[in-house]
Every structure is written in structure tokens, then in C-alpha cells.
């Protein structure tokens, strides 16, 4: 199951956790602010730990897929 849904009828198409109105960005904002995953989950009980971890893994996979490979300089 995809933990993220984009529906034009929910928050204007903002990516949200599936079955909720919680924007995925809110998880990243909490983590960037130094909050723990546990605090995020307590603040948004409609989001499961599995959904949050899956969203982070999706973000990491997307980053890795787009990352530029830099070859070490030959000396």
C-alpha cells in the first residue's frame, strides 16, 4: 500500500498520508525542527509509524535516484 495519496479534493492536491488530511510535509517539518518521530506520531495519531517510515524511505529512494554520481578525481 502506498502511504501517500494525492487527491485534488483533499488540501488542493497536497501529498498527504493515505486516509488522512495530514500533509507529508508535516513529518519533514517536524523532523527538521528537531522533533522526534514519536512526537510527530503523537501529534498526528491518524498516521501510523509504518506510514511515516515508508514515506521517509520513498523520499530517500527518490533522492538516491536523482543524485549525481561524482567520480573521484584521478591523481
N, C-alpha and C. Protein backbone atom coordinates (compact mmCIF):
# COMPACT_ATOMS: atom_id res chain seq x y z
N UNK A 1 0.84 -1.19 0.00
CA UNK A 1 0.00 0.00 0.00
C UNK A 1 0.88 1.25 0.00
N UNK A 2 0.56 2.17 -0.87
CA UNK A 2 1.29 3.43 -0.93
C UNK A 2 0.85 4.29 0.25
N UNK A 3 1.79 4.77 1.06
CA UNK A 3 1.42 5.57 2.23
C UNK A 3 1.03 7.00 1.89
N UNK A 4 1.23 7.39 0.64
CA UNK A 4 0.97 8.78 0.24
C UNK A 4 -0.09 8.81 -0.85
N UNK A 5 -1.02 9.75 -0.69
CA UNK A 5 -2.07 9.95 -1.70
C UNK A 5 -2.08 11.41 -2.11
N UNK A 6 -2.33 11.62 -3.38
CA UNK A 6 -2.51 12.98 -3.91
C UNK A 6 -3.89 13.01 -4.53
N UNK A 7 -4.75 13.84 -3.97
CA UNK A 7 -6.15 13.93 -4.41
C UNK A 7 -6.49 15.41 -4.49
N UNK A 8 -6.90 15.86 -5.65
CA UNK A 8 -7.21 17.28 -5.83
C UNK A 8 -8.33 17.75 -4.91
N UNK A 9 -9.11 16.81 -4.39
CA UNK A 9 -10.21 17.16 -3.48
C UNK A 9 -9.75 17.29 -2.02
N UNK A 10 -8.53 16.89 -1.74
CA UNK A 10 -8.01 16.96 -0.37
C UNK A 10 -6.83 17.92 -0.34
N UNK A 11 -7.01 19.03 0.36
CA UNK A 11 -5.98 20.05 0.51
C UNK A 11 -5.39 20.48 -0.83
N UNK A 12 -6.24 20.55 -1.83
CA UNK A 12 -5.83 21.04 -3.14
C UNK A 12 -4.77 20.21 -3.84
N UNK A 13 -4.70 18.92 -3.51
CA UNK A 13 -3.72 18.05 -4.16
C UNK A 13 -2.39 17.96 -3.43
N UNK A 14 -2.32 18.49 -2.24
CA UNK A 14 -1.10 18.37 -1.43
C UNK A 14 -0.88 16.90 -1.09
N UNK A 15 0.33 16.38 -1.26
CA UNK A 15 0.58 14.99 -0.88
C UNK A 15 0.31 14.78 0.62
N UNK A 16 -0.58 13.85 0.92
CA UNK A 16 -0.98 13.56 2.30
C UNK A 16 -0.79 12.08 2.59
N UNK A 17 -0.71 11.75 3.86
CA UNK A 17 -0.69 10.35 4.24
C UNK A 17 -2.04 9.76 3.88
N UNK A 18 -2.01 8.57 3.29
CA UNK A 18 -3.22 7.92 2.81
C UNK A 18 -4.26 7.79 3.91
N UNK A 19 -5.50 8.16 3.58
CA UNK A 19 -6.60 8.05 4.53
C UNK A 19 -6.64 9.15 5.57
N UNK A 20 -5.79 10.17 5.41
CA UNK A 20 -5.75 11.28 6.36
C UNK A 20 -5.76 12.60 5.60
N UNK A 21 -5.78 13.66 6.36
CA UNK A 21 -5.60 15.00 5.80
C UNK A 21 -4.29 15.60 6.32
N UNK A 22 -3.35 14.74 6.66
CA UNK A 22 -2.06 15.17 7.20
C UNK A 22 -1.06 15.24 6.05
N UNK A 23 -0.59 16.44 5.72
CA UNK A 23 0.41 16.56 4.65
C UNK A 23 1.71 15.85 5.02
N UNK A 24 2.31 15.17 4.06
CA UNK A 24 3.59 14.51 4.28
C UNK A 24 4.64 15.53 4.71
N UNK A 25 4.54 16.71 4.18
CA UNK A 25 5.49 17.77 4.53
C UNK A 25 5.55 18.00 6.04
N UNK A 26 4.44 17.78 6.72
CA UNK A 26 4.38 17.98 8.17
C UNK A 26 5.37 17.07 8.89
N UNK A 27 5.53 15.85 8.41
CA UNK A 27 6.52 14.94 9.00
C UNK A 27 7.92 15.52 8.83
N UNK A 28 8.24 15.96 7.63
CA UNK A 28 9.57 16.52 7.38
C UNK A 28 9.78 17.79 8.21
N UNK A 29 8.75 18.63 8.31
CA UNK A 29 8.87 19.85 9.11
C UNK A 29 9.16 19.52 10.57
N UNK A 30 8.49 18.52 11.11
CA UNK A 30 8.74 18.11 12.50
C UNK A 30 10.19 17.64 12.67
N UNK A 31 10.64 16.80 11.76
CA UNK A 31 12.00 16.26 11.87
C UNK A 31 13.05 17.35 11.70
N UNK A 32 12.82 18.26 10.76
CA UNK A 32 13.75 19.37 10.54
C UNK A 32 13.83 20.26 11.78
N UNK A 33 12.71 20.42 12.46
CA UNK A 33 12.67 21.25 13.67
C UNK A 33 13.32 20.56 14.87
N UNK A 34 13.70 19.30 14.69
CA UNK A 34 14.35 18.58 15.78
C UNK A 34 13.41 17.71 16.60
N UNK A 35 12.16 17.64 16.19
CA UNK A 35 11.20 16.80 16.90
C UNK A 35 11.46 15.34 16.55
N UNK A 36 11.10 14.46 17.44
CA UNK A 36 11.26 13.03 17.20
C UNK A 36 10.10 12.51 16.36
N UNK A 37 10.32 11.35 15.78
CA UNK A 37 9.24 10.68 15.06
C UNK A 37 8.09 10.41 16.03
N UNK A 38 8.42 10.02 17.25
CA UNK A 38 7.41 9.71 18.25
C UNK A 38 6.51 10.92 18.51
N UNK A 39 7.10 12.11 18.63
CA UNK A 39 6.30 13.32 18.85
C UNK A 39 5.38 13.57 17.67
N UNK A 40 5.89 13.41 16.46
CA UNK A 40 5.05 13.56 15.28
C UNK A 40 3.86 12.61 15.34
N UNK A 41 4.13 11.35 15.66
CA UNK A 41 3.06 10.34 15.70
C UNK A 41 2.05 10.65 16.80
N UNK A 42 2.51 11.20 17.91
CA UNK A 42 1.58 11.60 18.97
C UNK A 42 0.73 12.79 18.53
N UNK A 43 1.34 13.72 17.80
CA UNK A 43 0.60 14.89 17.31
C UNK A 43 -0.40 14.53 16.22
N UNK A 44 -0.11 13.47 15.46
CA UNK A 44 -0.96 13.07 14.32
C UNK A 44 -1.25 11.57 14.42
N UNK A 45 -2.14 11.19 15.33
CA UNK A 45 -2.40 9.77 15.58
C UNK A 45 -3.04 9.01 14.40
N UNK A 46 -3.50 9.73 13.39
CA UNK A 46 -4.06 9.04 12.22
C UNK A 46 -2.95 8.50 11.31
N UNK A 47 -1.71 8.90 11.57
CA UNK A 47 -0.57 8.41 10.78
C UNK A 47 0.13 7.32 11.60
N UNK A 48 0.29 6.17 11.00
CA UNK A 48 0.98 5.07 11.70
C UNK A 48 2.49 5.21 11.52
N UNK A 49 3.22 4.57 12.40
CA UNK A 49 4.68 4.56 12.29
C UNK A 49 5.09 3.96 10.94
N UNK A 50 4.42 2.91 10.52
CA UNK A 50 4.74 2.26 9.25
C UNK A 50 4.56 3.22 8.07
N UNK A 51 3.50 4.03 8.12
CA UNK A 51 3.26 5.01 7.06
C UNK A 51 4.37 6.06 7.04
N UNK A 52 4.75 6.54 8.21
CA UNK A 52 5.79 7.57 8.30
C UNK A 52 7.13 7.03 7.81
N UNK A 53 7.49 5.84 8.23
CA UNK A 53 8.75 5.24 7.79
C UNK A 53 8.73 5.01 6.29
N UNK A 54 7.62 4.53 5.76
CA UNK A 54 7.52 4.29 4.32
C UNK A 54 7.67 5.59 3.54
N UNK A 55 7.09 6.67 4.05
CA UNK A 55 7.22 7.97 3.38
C UNK A 55 8.68 8.44 3.38
N UNK A 56 9.38 8.26 4.49
CA UNK A 56 10.79 8.63 4.55
C UNK A 56 11.62 7.77 3.59
N UNK A 57 11.31 6.49 3.53
CA UNK A 57 12.02 5.60 2.61
C UNK A 57 11.77 6.00 1.16
N UNK A 58 10.53 6.40 0.85
CA UNK A 58 10.22 6.87 -0.50
C UNK A 58 11.03 8.12 -0.83
N UNK A 59 11.13 9.02 0.13
CA UNK A 59 11.92 10.23 -0.07
C UNK A 59 13.38 9.91 -0.31
N UNK A 60 13.92 8.98 0.47
CA UNK A 60 15.31 8.58 0.30
C UNK A 60 15.53 7.94 -1.07
N UNK A 61 14.63 7.07 -1.46
CA UNK A 61 14.75 6.42 -2.77
C UNK A 61 14.71 7.44 -3.91
N UNK A 62 13.82 8.42 -3.79
CA UNK A 62 13.74 9.46 -4.82
C UNK A 62 15.02 10.28 -4.87
N UNK A 63 15.57 10.58 -3.71
CA UNK A 63 16.82 11.34 -3.65
C UNK A 63 17.96 10.54 -4.27
N UNK A 64 18.05 9.28 -3.91
CA UNK A 64 19.11 8.44 -4.46
C UNK A 64 18.98 8.28 -5.97
N UNK A 65 17.77 8.20 -6.46
CA UNK A 65 17.55 8.06 -7.90
C UNK A 65 17.96 9.31 -8.67
N UNK A 66 17.87 10.45 -8.01
CA UNK A 66 18.19 11.71 -8.68
C UNK A 66 19.59 12.22 -8.39
N UNK A 67 20.27 11.58 -7.45
CA UNK A 67 21.60 12.05 -7.04
C UNK A 67 22.60 11.89 -8.18
N UNK A 68 23.46 12.85 -8.30
CA UNK A 68 24.51 12.80 -9.30
C UNK A 68 25.67 11.98 -8.77
N UNK A 69 26.15 11.09 -9.59
CA UNK A 69 27.31 10.30 -9.20
C UNK A 69 28.55 11.12 -9.50
N UNK A 70 29.36 11.30 -8.49
CA UNK A 70 30.61 12.07 -8.66
C UNK A 70 31.78 11.11 -8.56
N UNK A 71 32.52 11.04 -9.63
CA UNK A 71 33.69 10.16 -9.67
C UNK A 71 34.85 10.84 -8.95
N UNK A 72 35.61 10.06 -8.19
CA UNK A 72 36.77 10.65 -7.52
C UNK A 72 37.78 11.15 -8.56
N UNK A 73 38.44 12.23 -8.23
CA UNK A 73 39.45 12.80 -9.14
C UNK A 73 40.64 11.84 -9.22
N UNK A 74 41.13 11.67 -10.41
CA UNK A 74 42.32 10.83 -10.59
C UNK A 74 43.54 11.68 -10.31
N UNK A 75 44.48 11.11 -9.56
CA UNK A 75 45.69 11.86 -9.20
C UNK A 75 46.86 11.36 -9.92
